[in-house]
Amino acid sequence: MPEKKLEFTQEEWLKEGERLFGKNMMLWKFICPSCHRVISVQEYKDAGAPTGAIGFSCIGRYDGHGDVDAFGGEGKGCNYAGGGLICINPIKVGDINAFAFAEGV
């Protein structure tokens, strides 16, 4: 089985998102590397998260689950942010660390 790609140019990443979820980016989904919550772009928007948080910080910071510490949210959301001291975002898009797409969800 081939190893999963972890580094993308922006163009490659956009093509991969479209391949997985279609052209409507609001339907694209990511998985928080800390609590494993699956989050769509539409959910980020509905929670009032800034564009820069999408696929970078957990939605828990914006939807009321931010009181759950990172590494303890168990899929409900947490306060993890990719720009913190410990960055566990598994994907690199250009020079930005990002969440992985939630494939098959």
N, C-alpha and C. Protein backbone atom coordinates (compact mmCIF):
# COMPACT_ATOMS: atom_id res chain seq x y z
N MET A 1 0.84 -1.18 0.00
CA MET A 1 0.00 0.00 0.00
C MET A 1 0.89 1.25 0.00
N PRO A 2 0.65 2.19 -0.90
CA PRO A 2 1.51 3.38 -0.95
C PRO A 2 1.32 4.26 0.29
N GLU A 3 2.40 4.92 0.66
CA GLU A 3 2.35 5.82 1.81
C GLU A 3 1.51 7.04 1.47
N LYS A 4 0.75 7.52 2.44
CA LYS A 4 -0.10 8.69 2.23
C LYS A 4 0.76 9.95 2.06
N LYS A 5 0.37 10.79 1.13
CA LYS A 5 1.11 12.03 0.89
C LYS A 5 0.88 13.01 2.03
N LEU A 6 1.95 13.60 2.54
CA LEU A 6 1.86 14.52 3.66
C LEU A 6 2.21 15.95 3.29
N GLU A 7 2.79 16.16 2.10
CA GLU A 7 3.15 17.50 1.67
C GLU A 7 2.53 17.78 0.31
N PHE A 8 1.91 18.95 0.20
CA PHE A 8 1.21 19.35 -1.02
C PHE A 8 1.57 20.78 -1.38
N THR A 9 1.57 21.07 -2.68
CA THR A 9 1.52 22.48 -3.08
C THR A 9 0.06 22.89 -2.89
N GLN A 10 -0.22 24.16 -2.90
CA GLN A 10 -1.61 24.61 -2.75
C GLN A 10 -2.48 24.04 -3.87
N GLU A 11 -1.96 24.03 -5.08
CA GLU A 11 -2.71 23.50 -6.22
C GLU A 11 -3.02 22.01 -6.04
N GLU A 12 -2.03 21.23 -5.61
CA GLU A 12 -2.25 19.80 -5.38
C GLU A 12 -3.31 19.57 -4.29
N TRP A 13 -3.22 20.36 -3.22
CA TRP A 13 -4.15 20.23 -2.10
C TRP A 13 -5.57 20.55 -2.53
N LEU A 14 -5.74 21.61 -3.31
CA LEU A 14 -7.07 21.97 -3.82
C LEU A 14 -7.64 20.86 -4.71
N LYS A 15 -6.79 20.27 -5.55
CA LYS A 15 -7.23 19.17 -6.41
C LYS A 15 -7.63 17.96 -5.58
N GLU A 16 -6.89 17.69 -4.51
CA GLU A 16 -7.21 16.55 -3.65
C GLU A 16 -8.53 16.78 -2.92
N GLY A 17 -8.76 17.98 -2.42
CA GLY A 17 -10.02 18.29 -1.77
C GLY A 17 -11.19 18.14 -2.73
N GLU A 18 -11.02 18.60 -3.94
CA GLU A 18 -12.08 18.48 -4.95
C GLU A 18 -12.32 17.01 -5.33
N ARG A 19 -11.25 16.25 -5.41
CA ARG A 19 -11.39 14.82 -5.73
C ARG A 19 -12.18 14.10 -4.63
N LEU A 20 -11.90 14.44 -3.38
CA LEU A 20 -12.54 13.76 -2.26
C LEU A 20 -13.98 14.21 -2.01
N PHE A 21 -14.25 15.52 -2.15
CA PHE A 21 -15.52 16.08 -1.70
C PHE A 21 -16.31 16.84 -2.76
N GLY A 22 -15.73 17.06 -3.91
CA GLY A 22 -16.41 17.83 -4.95
C GLY A 22 -16.00 19.29 -4.93
N LYS A 23 -16.58 20.06 -5.84
CA LYS A 23 -16.19 21.47 -6.02
C LYS A 23 -16.69 22.39 -4.90
N ASN A 24 -17.78 22.03 -4.22
CA ASN A 24 -18.33 22.88 -3.17
C ASN A 24 -17.47 22.75 -1.91
N MET A 25 -16.60 23.74 -1.68
CA MET A 25 -15.68 23.68 -0.55
C MET A 25 -16.38 23.65 0.80
N MET A 26 -17.61 24.13 0.87
CA MET A 26 -18.35 24.10 2.14
C MET A 26 -18.57 22.67 2.62
N LEU A 27 -18.48 21.71 1.70
CA LEU A 27 -18.69 20.30 2.04
C LEU A 27 -17.38 19.56 2.36
N TRP A 28 -16.26 20.22 2.18
CA TRP A 28 -14.97 19.60 2.49
C TRP A 28 -14.89 19.38 3.99
N LYS A 29 -14.26 18.26 4.39
CA LYS A 29 -14.17 17.91 5.82
C LYS A 29 -12.73 17.63 6.22
N PHE A 30 -12.43 18.03 7.43
CA PHE A 30 -11.11 17.84 8.03
C PHE A 30 -11.28 17.08 9.34
N ILE A 31 -10.18 16.53 9.83
CA ILE A 31 -10.23 15.85 11.12
C ILE A 31 -9.20 16.47 12.05
N CYS A 32 -9.66 16.86 13.24
CA CYS A 32 -8.76 17.46 14.23
C CYS A 32 -7.77 16.38 14.67
N PRO A 33 -6.46 16.66 14.58
CA PRO A 33 -5.47 15.65 14.96
C PRO A 33 -5.41 15.42 16.47
N SER A 34 -6.06 16.27 17.24
CA SER A 34 -6.06 16.14 18.69
C SER A 34 -7.25 15.34 19.20
N CYS A 35 -8.47 15.80 18.92
CA CYS A 35 -9.66 15.13 19.47
C CYS A 35 -10.35 14.25 18.43
N HIS A 36 -9.94 14.33 17.19
CA HIS A 36 -10.45 13.51 16.08
C HIS A 36 -11.87 13.88 15.64
N ARG A 37 -12.32 15.07 15.97
CA ARG A 37 -13.62 15.51 15.49
C ARG A 37 -13.53 15.79 13.99
N VAL A 38 -14.52 15.34 13.25
CA VAL A 38 -14.62 15.62 11.83
C VAL A 38 -15.41 16.92 11.68
N ILE A 39 -14.84 17.86 10.90
CA ILE A 39 -15.38 19.21 10.81
C ILE A 39 -15.46 19.64 9.35
N SER A 40 -16.63 20.10 8.93
CA SER A 40 -16.77 20.61 7.56
C SER A 40 -16.47 22.11 7.54
N VAL A 41 -16.16 22.60 6.37
CA VAL A 41 -15.94 24.04 6.20
C VAL A 41 -17.22 24.79 6.58
N GLN A 42 -18.38 24.25 6.23
CA GLN A 42 -19.65 24.88 6.58
C GLN A 42 -19.80 25.00 8.10
N GLU A 43 -19.38 23.99 8.85
CA GLU A 43 -19.46 24.05 10.32
C GLU A 43 -18.57 25.16 10.87
N TYR A 44 -17.37 25.30 10.31
CA TYR A 44 -16.50 26.41 10.73
C TYR A 44 -17.21 27.74 10.49
N LYS A 45 -17.78 27.89 9.29
CA LYS A 45 -18.48 29.13 8.94
C LYS A 45 -19.64 29.38 9.89
N ASP A 46 -20.46 28.35 10.14
CA ASP A 46 -21.62 28.48 11.03
C ASP A 46 -21.22 28.84 12.46
N ALA A 47 -20.04 28.40 12.89
CA ALA A 47 -19.56 28.69 14.24
C ALA A 47 -18.92 30.06 14.35
N GLY A 48 -18.77 30.76 13.20
CA GLY A 48 -18.17 32.09 13.21
C GLY A 48 -16.66 32.07 13.26
N ALA A 49 -16.04 30.95 12.91
CA ALA A 49 -14.58 30.86 12.92
C ALA A 49 -14.00 31.68 11.76
N PRO A 50 -12.85 32.30 11.98
CA PRO A 50 -12.21 33.03 10.88
C PRO A 50 -11.70 32.06 9.82
N THR A 51 -11.58 32.51 8.61
CA THR A 51 -11.13 31.67 7.50
C THR A 51 -9.81 30.98 7.82
N GLY A 52 -8.90 31.66 8.47
CA GLY A 52 -7.59 31.09 8.79
C GLY A 52 -7.64 29.93 9.76
N ALA A 53 -8.76 29.73 10.45
CA ALA A 53 -8.89 28.62 11.40
C ALA A 53 -9.29 27.32 10.71
N ILE A 54 -9.84 27.41 9.52
CA ILE A 54 -10.37 26.24 8.83
C ILE A 54 -9.23 25.26 8.52
N GLY A 55 -9.37 24.04 9.05
CA GLY A 55 -8.36 23.02 8.82
C GLY A 55 -7.04 23.31 9.50
N PHE A 56 -7.04 24.23 10.46
CA PHE A 56 -5.82 24.61 11.16
C PHE A 56 -6.00 24.54 12.67
N SER A 57 -7.17 24.93 13.16
CA SER A 57 -7.51 24.88 14.58
C SER A 57 -8.83 24.15 14.74
N CYS A 58 -9.02 23.51 15.89
CA CYS A 58 -10.26 22.76 16.12
C CYS A 58 -11.44 23.72 16.24
N ILE A 59 -12.58 23.29 15.74
CA ILE A 59 -13.79 24.09 15.81
C ILE A 59 -14.25 24.31 17.24
N GLY A 60 -13.78 23.48 18.16
CA GLY A 60 -14.13 23.64 19.57
C GLY A 60 -13.78 25.02 20.11
N ARG A 61 -12.82 25.66 19.51
CA ARG A 61 -12.45 27.02 19.92
C ARG A 61 -13.55 28.02 19.59
N TYR A 62 -14.48 27.64 18.72
CA TYR A 62 -15.50 28.57 18.23
C TYR A 62 -16.94 28.13 18.49
N ASP A 63 -17.15 26.85 18.81
CA ASP A 63 -18.53 26.38 18.96
C ASP A 63 -18.93 26.00 20.38
N GLY A 64 -18.16 26.44 21.36
CA GLY A 64 -18.54 26.19 22.74
C GLY A 64 -17.88 24.99 23.38
N HIS A 65 -17.02 24.27 22.65
CA HIS A 65 -16.31 23.14 23.23
C HIS A 65 -14.85 23.49 23.54
N GLY A 66 -14.52 24.75 23.48
CA GLY A 66 -13.14 25.19 23.71
C GLY A 66 -12.66 24.99 25.11
N ASP A 67 -13.57 24.67 26.04
CA ASP A 67 -13.15 24.42 27.42
C ASP A 67 -12.57 23.01 27.57
N VAL A 68 -12.68 22.19 26.53
CA VAL A 68 -12.11 20.85 26.55
C VAL A 68 -10.66 20.96 26.10
N ASP A 69 -9.75 20.54 26.95
CA ASP A 69 -8.34 20.64 26.61
C ASP A 69 -7.99 19.82 25.38
N ALA A 70 -7.06 20.35 24.61
CA ALA A 70 -6.54 19.59 23.48
C ALA A 70 -6.04 18.26 24.02
N PHE A 71 -6.15 17.23 23.23
CA PHE A 71 -5.76 15.87 23.58
C PHE A 71 -6.74 15.22 24.54
N GLY A 72 -7.94 15.80 24.71
CA GLY A 72 -8.92 15.18 25.59
C GLY A 72 -10.34 15.34 25.12
N GLY A 73 -10.55 15.82 23.89
CA GLY A 73 -11.89 16.12 23.42
C GLY A 73 -12.70 14.94 22.94
N GLU A 74 -12.05 13.86 22.57
CA GLU A 74 -12.70 12.63 22.13
C GLU A 74 -13.79 12.85 21.08
N GLY A 75 -13.50 13.63 20.05
CA GLY A 75 -14.41 13.80 18.93
C GLY A 75 -15.48 14.85 19.09
N LYS A 76 -15.52 15.55 20.22
CA LYS A 76 -16.55 16.56 20.45
C LYS A 76 -16.04 17.97 20.17
N GLY A 77 -14.78 18.10 19.96
CA GLY A 77 -14.16 19.41 19.77
C GLY A 77 -13.27 19.71 20.96
N CYS A 78 -12.27 20.54 20.74
CA CYS A 78 -11.33 20.88 21.81
C CYS A 78 -10.75 22.27 21.52
N ASN A 79 -9.79 22.67 22.31
CA ASN A 79 -9.20 23.99 22.13
C ASN A 79 -7.87 23.95 21.37
N TYR A 80 -7.59 22.87 20.66
CA TYR A 80 -6.33 22.74 19.93
C TYR A 80 -6.21 23.78 18.82
N ALA A 81 -5.04 24.37 18.72
CA ALA A 81 -4.73 25.31 17.63
C ALA A 81 -3.40 24.90 17.02
N GLY A 82 -3.35 24.85 15.71
CA GLY A 82 -2.15 24.43 15.01
C GLY A 82 -0.97 25.37 15.18
N GLY A 83 -1.21 26.58 15.63
CA GLY A 83 -0.13 27.53 15.80
C GLY A 83 0.44 27.57 17.20
N GLY A 84 0.03 26.63 18.04
CA GLY A 84 0.49 26.60 19.42
C GLY A 84 1.88 26.00 19.56
N LEU A 85 2.28 25.79 20.79
CA LEU A 85 3.61 25.27 21.10
C LEU A 85 3.83 23.88 20.50
N ILE A 86 2.80 23.04 20.58
CA ILE A 86 2.91 21.69 20.04
C ILE A 86 2.04 21.61 18.79
N CYS A 87 2.67 21.51 17.63
CA CYS A 87 1.93 21.43 16.37
C CYS A 87 1.91 19.98 15.91
N ILE A 88 0.69 19.41 15.88
CA ILE A 88 0.55 18.03 15.42
C ILE A 88 -0.24 17.96 14.11
N ASN A 89 -0.46 19.11 13.47
CA ASN A 89 -1.14 19.09 12.17
C ASN A 89 -0.30 18.25 11.22
N PRO A 90 -0.89 17.19 10.65
CA PRO A 90 -0.09 16.22 9.90
C PRO A 90 0.22 16.56 8.45
N ILE A 91 -0.44 17.56 7.89
CA ILE A 91 -0.29 17.88 6.47
C ILE A 91 0.40 19.22 6.31
N LYS A 92 1.25 19.31 5.31
CA LYS A 92 1.92 20.56 4.98
C LYS A 92 1.41 21.00 3.62
N VAL A 93 0.85 22.21 3.57
CA VAL A 93 0.37 22.80 2.31
C VAL A 93 1.21 24.06 2.11
N GLY A 94 2.19 23.96 1.22
CA GLY A 94 3.15 25.05 1.09
C GLY A 94 3.93 25.15 2.39
N ASP A 95 3.83 26.29 3.06
CA ASP A 95 4.53 26.44 4.35
C ASP A 95 3.56 26.45 5.53
N ILE A 96 2.33 25.97 5.32
CA ILE A 96 1.30 25.95 6.38
C ILE A 96 1.05 24.52 6.81
N ASN A 97 1.01 24.28 8.12
CA ASN A 97 0.65 22.98 8.66
C ASN A 97 -0.87 22.93 8.78
N ALA A 98 -1.47 21.86 8.27
CA ALA A 98 -2.93 21.77 8.21
C ALA A 98 -3.44 20.42 8.71
N PHE A 99 -4.74 20.36 8.98
CA PHE A 99 -5.40 19.11 9.33
C PHE A 99 -5.48 18.25 8.07
N ALA A 100 -5.58 16.96 8.26
CA ALA A 100 -5.81 16.04 7.14
C ALA A 100 -7.27 16.10 6.74
N PHE A 101 -7.53 15.80 5.49
CA PHE A 101 -8.92 15.65 5.05
C PHE A 101 -9.51 14.43 5.75
N ALA A 102 -10.78 14.50 6.08
CA ALA A 102 -11.49 13.38 6.70
C ALA A 102 -12.04 12.52 5.56
N GLU A 103 -11.23 11.66 5.05
CA GLU A 103 -11.60 10.84 3.90
C GLU A 103 -12.63 9.79 4.29
N GLY A 104 -13.52 9.50 3.38
CA GLY A 104 -14.49 8.46 3.59
C GLY A 104 -15.58 8.79 4.59
N VAL A 105 -15.70 10.06 4.95
CA VAL A 105 -16.72 10.47 5.92
C VAL A 105 -17.77 11.29 5.22
